[in-house]
Amino acid sequence: MSIGLILLIVTGLLVVFGVGQRALDRLRLTDRQALLCIALIIGLGFVPDIPLGKNVTVNLGGCVLPVLLCAYLFIKAGTWMERGRAIAATLVTATAVYIIGRYTANEPETITFDPNYLYGIAAGVIAYLFGRSRRSAFIAGVLGVLLADVIASIEVWVRGIDQTLALGGAGAYDAVVISGILAVMLAELIGEIVERATRGNRRPQREYSIENGEFIRKERGR
């Protein structure tokens, strides 16, 4: 079983047990919607890739459904600033993954595991750093990996090499899943830490009232 499938199953179990509810709220997803998306990504991932042309195939679970989910989150983004940040983060993530791919392709002996895992991890971290919000981070993580794959394939075609671009198929499936889930996890974890630290440093607000003829001072935030 691949790392991507394991992550999806674990994520599904966490949703069932109510973990990460706030992250789902920020993603504008209910428990049932999240579980349905996870089930479809897993199930459709086993469907044979669909050919779109001579050198292009697309996987329903690894590309089509994640892209549709990204489109939904993009529409649900709170502001145009967040949408712009998602686009910028996607471009930065794609560039970083492309560069990493060039390095690992030239020196494969330096990689002791599947490089697609490295792409997914790198994309997830970079997507969070530049996307910041849960929605932007997920969008950048997923689309960044797919866009990097497209750029790399175009470069190969320009050189006259016949190679098939498998969007979301084969190892790209794991990279897409890892990057999307990791980006949201980082955004949720670090966001929670920052919010708690902010609440902890916030000075208590004082309220004054008169009860039974006595002047009472109350403090909120403690």
C-alpha atoms as a PDB file:
ATOM      1  CA  MET A   1       0.000   0.000   0.000  1.00  0.00           C
ATOM      2  CA  SER A   2       1.387   3.404  -0.976  1.00  0.00           C
ATOM      3  CA  ILE A   3       2.004   6.288   1.418  1.00  0.00           C
ATOM      4  CA  GLY A   4      -0.725   8.287  -0.285  1.00  0.00           C
ATOM      5  CA  LEU A   5      -3.376   5.647   0.372  1.00  0.00           C
ATOM      6  CA  ILE A   6      -2.239   5.256   3.978  1.00  0.00           C
ATOM      7  CA  LEU A   7      -2.503   9.014   4.544  1.00  0.00           C
ATOM      8  CA  LEU A   8      -5.975   9.110   3.030  1.00  0.00           C
ATOM      9  CA  ILE A   9      -7.187   6.242   5.220  1.00  0.00           C
ATOM     10  CA  VAL A  10      -5.685   7.797   8.365  1.00  0.00           C
ATOM     11  CA  THR A  11      -7.210  11.163   7.476  1.00  0.00           C
ATOM     12  CA  GLY A  12     -10.589   9.502   6.978  1.00  0.00           C
ATOM     13  CA  LEU A  13     -10.374   7.864  10.404  1.00  0.00           C
ATOM     14  CA  LEU A  14      -9.472  11.193  12.012  1.00  0.00           C
ATOM     15  CA  VAL A  15     -12.517  12.784  10.408  1.00  0.00           C
ATOM     16  CA  VAL A  16     -14.738   9.941  11.667  1.00  0.00           C
ATOM     17  CA  PHE A  17     -13.488  10.484  15.227  1.00  0.00           C
ATOM     18  CA  GLY A  18     -14.003  14.243  15.001  1.00  0.00           C
ATOM     19  CA  VAL A  19     -10.359  15.267  14.880  1.00  0.00           C
ATOM     20  CA  GLY A  20      -9.578  18.345  12.821  1.00  0.00           C
ATOM     21  CA  GLN A  21     -13.122  19.653  12.757  1.00  0.00           C
ATOM     22  CA  ARG A  22     -11.935  23.246  12.713  1.00  0.00           C
ATOM     23  CA  ALA A  23      -9.744  22.573   9.689  1.00  0.00           C
ATOM     24  CA  LEU A  24     -12.777  21.192   7.853  1.00  0.00           C
ATOM     25  CA  ASP A  25     -14.760  24.281   8.827  1.00  0.00           C
ATOM     26  CA  ARG A  26     -12.049  26.498   7.332  1.00  0.00           C
ATOM     27  CA  LEU A  27     -12.107  24.365   4.189  1.00  0.00           C
ATOM     28  CA  ARG A  28     -15.892  24.796   4.023  1.00  0.00           C
ATOM     29  CA  LEU A  29     -16.390  21.035   4.190  1.00  0.00           C
ATOM     30  CA  THR A  30     -18.668  18.961   6.399  1.00  0.00           C
ATOM     31  CA  ASP A  31     -17.648  15.592   7.801  1.00  0.00           C
ATOM     32  CA  ARG A  32     -19.696  13.759   5.191  1.00  0.00           C
ATOM     33  CA  GLN A  33     -18.319  15.837   2.337  1.00  0.00           C
ATOM     34  CA  ALA A  34     -14.748  15.248   3.494  1.00  0.00           C
ATOM     35  CA  LEU A  35     -15.297  11.500   3.826  1.00  0.00           C
ATOM     36  CA  LEU A  36     -16.945  11.387   0.400  1.00  0.00           C
ATOM     37  CA  CYS A  37     -13.984  13.203  -1.168  1.00  0.00           C
ATOM     38  CA  ILE A  38     -11.514  10.849   0.509  1.00  0.00           C
ATOM     39  CA  ALA A  39     -13.471   7.775  -0.591  1.00  0.00           C
ATOM     40  CA  LEU A  40     -13.708   9.038  -4.169  1.00  0.00           C
ATOM     41  CA  ILE A  41     -10.011   9.904  -4.355  1.00  0.00           C
ATOM     42  CA  ILE A  42      -9.148   6.407  -3.134  1.00  0.00           C
ATOM     43  CA  GLY A  43     -11.663   4.620  -5.348  1.00  0.00           C
ATOM     44  CA  LEU A  44     -11.082   6.635  -8.511  1.00  0.00           C
ATOM     45  CA  GLY A  45      -7.342   6.279  -8.035  1.00  0.00           C
ATOM     46  CA  PHE A  46      -7.688   2.631  -9.052  1.00  0.00           C
ATOM     47  CA  VAL A  47      -9.505   3.510 -12.273  1.00  0.00           C
ATOM     48  CA  PRO A  48      -7.154   3.236 -15.283  1.00  0.00           C
ATOM     49  CA  ASP A  49      -5.765   6.553 -16.496  1.00  0.00           C
ATOM     50  CA  ILE A  50      -7.838   8.216 -19.198  1.00  0.00           C
ATOM     51  CA  PRO A  51      -5.907   9.177 -22.358  1.00  0.00           C
ATOM     52  CA  LEU A  52      -6.380  12.796 -23.441  1.00  0.00           C
ATOM     53  CA  GLY A  53      -4.097  12.615 -26.429  1.00  0.00           C
ATOM     54  CA  LYS A  54      -1.011  10.919 -27.741  1.00  0.00           C
ATOM     55  CA  ASN A  55       1.222  11.719 -24.761  1.00  0.00           C
ATOM     56  CA  VAL A  56      -1.188  12.786 -22.009  1.00  0.00           C
ATOM     57  CA  THR A  57      -3.238  10.713 -19.574  1.00  0.00           C
ATOM     58  CA  VAL A  58      -5.217  11.797 -16.535  1.00  0.00           C
ATOM     59  CA  ASN A  59      -6.120   9.938 -13.367  1.00  0.00           C
ATOM     60  CA  LEU A  60      -9.548  10.683 -11.911  1.00  0.00           C
ATOM     61  CA  GLY A  61      -8.533  10.203  -8.279  1.00  0.00           C
ATOM     62  CA  GLY A  62      -5.095  11.782  -8.491  1.00  0.00           C
ATOM     63  CA  CYS A  63      -5.916  14.752 -10.715  1.00  0.00           C
ATOM     64  CA  VAL A  64      -9.515  15.425 -11.739  1.00  0.00           C
ATOM     65  CA  LEU A  65     -11.154  15.217  -8.297  1.00  0.00           C
ATOM     66  CA  PRO A  66      -8.355  17.095  -6.450  1.00  0.00           C
ATOM     67  CA  VAL A  67      -8.473  19.856  -9.081  1.00  0.00           C
ATOM     68  CA  LEU A  68     -12.259  20.122  -8.717  1.00  0.00           C
ATOM     69  CA  LEU A  69     -11.826  20.327  -4.942  1.00  0.00           C
ATOM     70  CA  CYS A  70      -9.236  23.089  -5.415  1.00  0.00           C
ATOM     71  CA  ALA A  71     -11.682  24.968  -7.654  1.00  0.00           C
ATOM     72  CA  TYR A  72     -14.352  24.677  -4.946  1.00  0.00           C
ATOM     73  CA  LEU A  73     -11.979  25.993  -2.272  1.00  0.00           C
ATOM     74  CA  PHE A  74     -10.834  28.813  -4.563  1.00  0.00           C
ATOM     75  CA  ILE A  75     -14.431  29.933  -5.041  1.00  0.00           C
ATOM     76  CA  LYS A  76     -15.071  29.671  -1.292  1.00  0.00           C
ATOM     77  CA  ALA A  77     -11.980  31.734  -0.428  1.00  0.00           C
ATOM     78  CA  GLY A  78     -12.917  34.664   1.769  1.00  0.00           C
ATOM     79  CA  THR A  79     -11.262  37.472  -0.196  1.00  0.00           C
ATOM     80  CA  TRP A  80      -9.578  38.172  -3.505  1.00  0.00           C
ATOM     81  CA  MET A  81      -6.373  38.651  -1.534  1.00  0.00           C
ATOM     82  CA  GLU A  82      -6.584  35.047  -0.383  1.00  0.00           C
ATOM     83  CA  ARG A  83      -7.260  33.917  -3.941  1.00  0.00           C
ATOM     84  CA  GLY A  84      -4.249  35.868  -5.167  1.00  0.00           C
ATOM     85  CA  ARG A  85      -2.135  34.337  -2.416  1.00  0.00           C
ATOM     86  CA  ALA A  86      -3.284  30.869  -3.474  1.00  0.00           C
ATOM     87  CA  ILE A  87      -2.268  31.534  -7.080  1.00  0.00           C
ATOM     88  CA  ALA A  88       1.114  32.952  -6.064  1.00  0.00           C
ATOM     89  CA  ALA A  89       1.747  30.054  -3.679  1.00  0.00           C
ATOM     90  CA  THR A  90       0.874  27.586  -6.439  1.00  0.00           C
ATOM     91  CA  LEU A  91       3.420  29.141  -8.803  1.00  0.00           C
ATOM     92  CA  VAL A  92       6.133  29.185  -6.128  1.00  0.00           C
ATOM     93  CA  THR A  93       5.391  25.584  -5.148  1.00  0.00           C
ATOM     94  CA  ALA A  94       5.437  24.425  -8.772  1.00  0.00           C
ATOM     95  CA  THR A  95       8.769  26.154  -9.374  1.00  0.00           C
ATOM     96  CA  ALA A  96      10.315  24.621  -6.255  1.00  0.00           C
ATOM     97  CA  VAL A  97       9.102  21.105  -7.089  1.00  0.00           C
ATOM     98  CA  TYR A  98      10.335  21.494 -10.672  1.00  0.00           C
ATOM     99  CA  ILE A  99      13.800  22.512  -9.445  1.00  0.00           C
ATOM    100  CA  ILE A 100      13.897  19.619  -6.980  1.00  0.00           C
ATOM    101  CA  GLY A 101      12.873  17.286  -9.791  1.00  0.00           C
ATOM    102  CA  ARG A 102      15.705  18.527 -11.973  1.00  0.00           C
ATOM    103  CA  TYR A 103      18.215  17.902  -9.192  1.00  0.00           C
ATOM    104  CA  THR A 104      16.969  14.427  -8.303  1.00  0.00           C
ATOM    105  CA  ALA A 105      16.824  13.455 -11.979  1.00  0.00           C
ATOM    106  CA  ASN A 106      20.459  14.419 -12.440  1.00  0.00           C
ATOM    107  CA  GLU A 107      21.656  12.724  -9.256  1.00  0.00           C
ATOM    108  CA  PRO A 108      19.258   9.827  -8.539  1.00  0.00           C
ATOM    109  CA  GLU A 109      21.886   8.046  -6.440  1.00  0.00           C
ATOM    110  CA  THR A 110      21.480  10.714  -3.750  1.00  0.00           C
ATOM    111  CA  ILE A 111      17.834   9.700  -3.163  1.00  0.00           C
ATOM    112  CA  THR A 112      17.280   6.566  -1.078  1.00  0.00           C
ATOM    113  CA  PHE A 113      13.460   6.588  -1.408  1.00  0.00           C
ATOM    114  CA  ASP A 114      10.795   7.353  -3.971  1.00  0.00           C
ATOM    115  CA  PRO A 115      11.405  10.974  -5.087  1.00  0.00           C
ATOM    116  CA  ASN A 116       7.649  11.496  -5.393  1.00  0.00           C
ATOM    117  CA  TYR A 117       7.504  11.442  -1.597  1.00  0.00           C
ATOM    118  CA  LEU A 118      10.127  14.195  -1.537  1.00  0.00           C
ATOM    119  CA  TYR A 119       8.113  16.228  -4.040  1.00  0.00           C
ATOM    120  CA  GLY A 120       4.992  15.838  -1.928  1.00  0.00           C
ATOM    121  CA  ILE A 121       6.704  16.807   1.328  1.00  0.00           C
ATOM    122  CA  ALA A 122       8.490  19.787  -0.228  1.00  0.00           C
ATOM    123  CA  ALA A 123       5.304  20.952  -1.930  1.00  0.00           C
ATOM    124  CA  GLY A 124       3.318  20.650   1.307  1.00  0.00           C
ATOM    125  CA  VAL A 125       5.808  22.720   3.314  1.00  0.00           C
ATOM    126  CA  ILE A 126       6.251  25.391   0.643  1.00  0.00           C
ATOM    127  CA  ALA A 127       2.514  25.572  -0.003  1.00  0.00           C
ATOM    128  CA  TYR A 128       1.892  26.284   3.682  1.00  0.00           C
ATOM    129  CA  LEU A 129       4.669  28.884   3.947  1.00  0.00           C
ATOM    130  CA  PHE A 130       3.328  30.883   1.023  1.00  0.00           C
ATOM    131  CA  GLY A 131      -0.361  29.982   1.195  1.00  0.00           C
ATOM    132  CA  ARG A 132      -0.797  30.535   4.940  1.00  0.00           C
ATOM    133  CA  SER A 133      -4.515  29.738   5.139  1.00  0.00           C
ATOM    134  CA  ARG A 134      -5.840  26.175   5.029  1.00  0.00           C
ATOM    135  CA  ARG A 135      -7.562  26.731   1.703  1.00  0.00           C
ATOM    136  CA  SER A 136      -4.627  28.435  -0.004  1.00  0.00           C
ATOM    137  CA  ALA A 137      -2.174  25.865   1.337  1.00  0.00           C
ATOM    138  CA  PHE A 138      -4.219  22.944   0.004  1.00  0.00           C
ATOM    139  CA  ILE A 139      -4.696  24.581  -3.389  1.00  0.00           C
ATOM    140  CA  ALA A 140      -0.999  25.367  -3.723  1.00  0.00           C
ATOM    141  CA  GLY A 141       0.066  21.921  -2.546  1.00  0.00           C
ATOM    142  CA  VAL A 142      -2.108  20.037  -5.030  1.00  0.00           C
ATOM    143  CA  LEU A 143      -1.876  22.318  -8.055  1.00  0.00           C
ATOM    144  CA  GLY A 144       1.821  23.008  -7.465  1.00  0.00           C
ATOM    145  CA  VAL A 145       2.702  19.331  -7.895  1.00  0.00           C
ATOM    146  CA  LEU A 146       0.529  18.928 -10.994  1.00  0.00           C
ATOM    147  CA  LEU A 147       1.827  22.135 -12.582  1.00  0.00           C
ATOM    148  CA  ALA A 148       5.440  21.124 -11.959  1.00  0.00           C
ATOM    149  CA  ASP A 149       4.738  17.816 -13.690  1.00  0.00           C
ATOM    150  CA  VAL A 150       3.301  19.669 -16.691  1.00  0.00           C
ATOM    151  CA  ILE A 151       6.303  22.006 -16.908  1.00  0.00           C
ATOM    152  CA  ALA A 152       8.769  19.113 -16.730  1.00  0.00           C
ATOM    153  CA  SER A 153       6.921  17.228 -19.471  1.00  0.00           C
ATOM    154  CA  ILE A 154       6.793  20.269 -21.758  1.00  0.00           C
ATOM    155  CA  GLU A 155      10.546  20.662 -21.343  1.00  0.00           C
ATOM    156  CA  VAL A 156      11.056  17.027 -22.344  1.00  0.00           C
ATOM    157  CA  TRP A 157       8.792  17.376 -25.381  1.00  0.00           C
ATOM    158  CA  VAL A 158      10.650  20.489 -26.524  1.00  0.00           C
ATOM    159  CA  ARG A 159      13.807  18.399 -26.571  1.00  0.00           C
ATOM    160  CA  GLY A 160      12.086  15.995 -28.929  1.00  0.00           C
ATOM    161  CA  ILE A 161      11.777  13.172 -26.402  1.00  0.00           C
ATOM    162  CA  ASP A 162       8.597  11.105 -26.560  1.00  0.00           C
ATOM    163  CA  GLN A 163       7.286  10.829 -23.000  1.00  0.00           C
ATOM    164  CA  THR A 164       3.806  10.407 -21.542  1.00  0.00           C
ATOM    165  CA  LEU A 165       2.502  12.975 -19.074  1.00  0.00           C
ATOM    166  CA  ALA A 166       0.454  11.045 -16.506  1.00  0.00           C
ATOM    167  CA  LEU A 167      -1.464  13.711 -14.593  1.00  0.00           C
ATOM    168  CA  GLY A 168      -2.144  12.391 -11.109  1.00  0.00           C
ATOM    169  CA  GLY A 169      -1.195   8.870 -12.121  1.00  0.00           C
ATOM    170  CA  ALA A 170       1.576   6.544 -10.971  1.00  0.00           C
ATOM    171  CA  GLY A 171       3.854   8.243  -8.414  1.00  0.00           C
ATOM    172  CA  ALA A 172       2.230  11.635  -8.946  1.00  0.00           C
ATOM    173  CA  TYR A 173      -0.836  10.325  -7.088  1.00  0.00           C
ATOM    174  CA  ASP A 174       1.168   9.994  -3.871  1.00  0.00           C
ATOM    175  CA  ALA A 175       2.834  13.376  -4.360  1.00  0.00           C
ATOM    176  CA  VAL A 176      -0.519  15.118  -4.807  1.00  0.00           C
ATOM    177  CA  VAL A 177      -2.047  13.450  -1.740  1.00  0.00           C
ATOM    178  CA  ILE A 178       0.991  14.041   0.477  1.00  0.00           C
ATOM    179  CA  SER A 179       1.348  17.698  -0.495  1.00  0.00           C
ATOM    180  CA  GLY A 180      -2.332  18.531  -0.037  1.00  0.00           C
ATOM    181  CA  ILE A 181      -2.738  16.818   3.333  1.00  0.00           C
ATOM    182  CA  LEU A 182       0.621  18.015   4.695  1.00  0.00           C
ATOM    183  CA  ALA A 183      -0.061  21.624   3.699  1.00  0.00           C
ATOM    184  CA  VAL A 184      -3.391  21.634   5.552  1.00  0.00           C
ATOM    185  CA  MET A 185      -1.897  19.865   8.586  1.00  0.00           C
ATOM    186  CA  LEU A 186       0.889  22.445   8.864  1.00  0.00           C
ATOM    187  CA  ALA A 187      -1.551  25.323   8.442  1.00  0.00           C
ATOM    188  CA  GLU A 188      -3.816  23.877  11.142  1.00  0.00           C
ATOM    189  CA  LEU A 189      -1.052  22.976  13.609  1.00  0.00           C
ATOM    190  CA  ILE A 190       0.973  26.169  13.312  1.00  0.00           C
ATOM    191  CA  GLY A 191      -2.169  28.285  13.106  1.00  0.00           C
ATOM    192  CA  GLU A 192      -3.423  26.751  16.356  1.00  0.00           C
ATOM    193  CA  ILE A 193      -0.092  27.395  18.094  1.00  0.00           C
ATOM    194  CA  VAL A 194      -0.031  31.029  16.959  1.00  0.00           C
ATOM    195  CA  GLU A 195      -3.639  31.622  18.002  1.00  0.00           C
ATOM    196  CA  ARG A 196      -3.060  30.139  21.449  1.00  0.00           C
ATOM    197  CA  ALA A 197       0.075  32.230  21.904  1.00  0.00           C
ATOM    198  CA  THR A 198      -1.860  35.324  20.858  1.00  0.00           C
ATOM    199  CA  ARG A 199      -4.638  34.587  23.331  1.00  0.00           C
ATOM    200  CA  GLY A 200      -2.084  33.957  26.053  1.00  0.00           C
ATOM    201  CA  ASN A 201      -0.383  37.314  25.520  1.00  0.00           C
ATOM    202  CA  ARG A 202      -3.633  39.242  25.342  1.00  0.00           C
ATOM    203  CA  ARG A 203      -4.142  41.481  28.353  1.00  0.00           C
ATOM    204  CA  PRO A 204      -7.328  40.889  30.326  1.00  0.00           C
ATOM    205  CA  GLN A 205     -10.098  43.434  29.862  1.00  0.00           C
ATOM    206  CA  ARG A 206     -11.566  44.975  32.974  1.00  0.00           C
ATOM    207  CA  GLU A 207     -15.254  45.513  33.590  1.00  0.00           C
ATOM    208  CA  TYR A 208     -16.692  47.542  36.425  1.00  0.00           C
ATOM    209  CA  SER A 209     -20.098  47.193  38.007  1.00  0.00           C
ATOM    210  CA  ILE A 210     -21.964  47.888  41.225  1.00  0.00           C
ATOM    211  CA  GLU A 211     -23.467  44.920  43.027  1.00  0.00           C
ATOM    212  CA  ASN A 212     -25.333  45.252  46.337  1.00  0.00           C
ATOM    213  CA  GLY A 213     -23.962  48.747  46.746  1.00  0.00           C
ATOM    214  CA  GLU A 214     -20.356  47.621  46.296  1.00  0.00           C
ATOM    215  CA  PHE A 215     -18.000  48.623  43.472  1.00  0.00           C
ATOM    216  CA  ILE A 216     -16.889  45.397  41.732  1.00  0.00           C
ATOM    217  CA  ARG A 217     -14.031  45.040  39.234  1.00  0.00           C
ATOM    218  CA  LYS A 218     -14.049  42.007  36.925  1.00  0.00           C
ATOM    219  CA  GLU A 219     -11.367  40.875  34.505  1.00  0.00           C
ATOM    220  CA  ARG A 220     -12.081  39.019  31.274  1.00  0.00           C
ATOM    221  CA  GLY A 221      -9.571  36.814  29.492  1.00  0.00           C
ATOM    222  CA  ARG A 222      -8.397  34.956  32.619  1.00  0.00           C
END
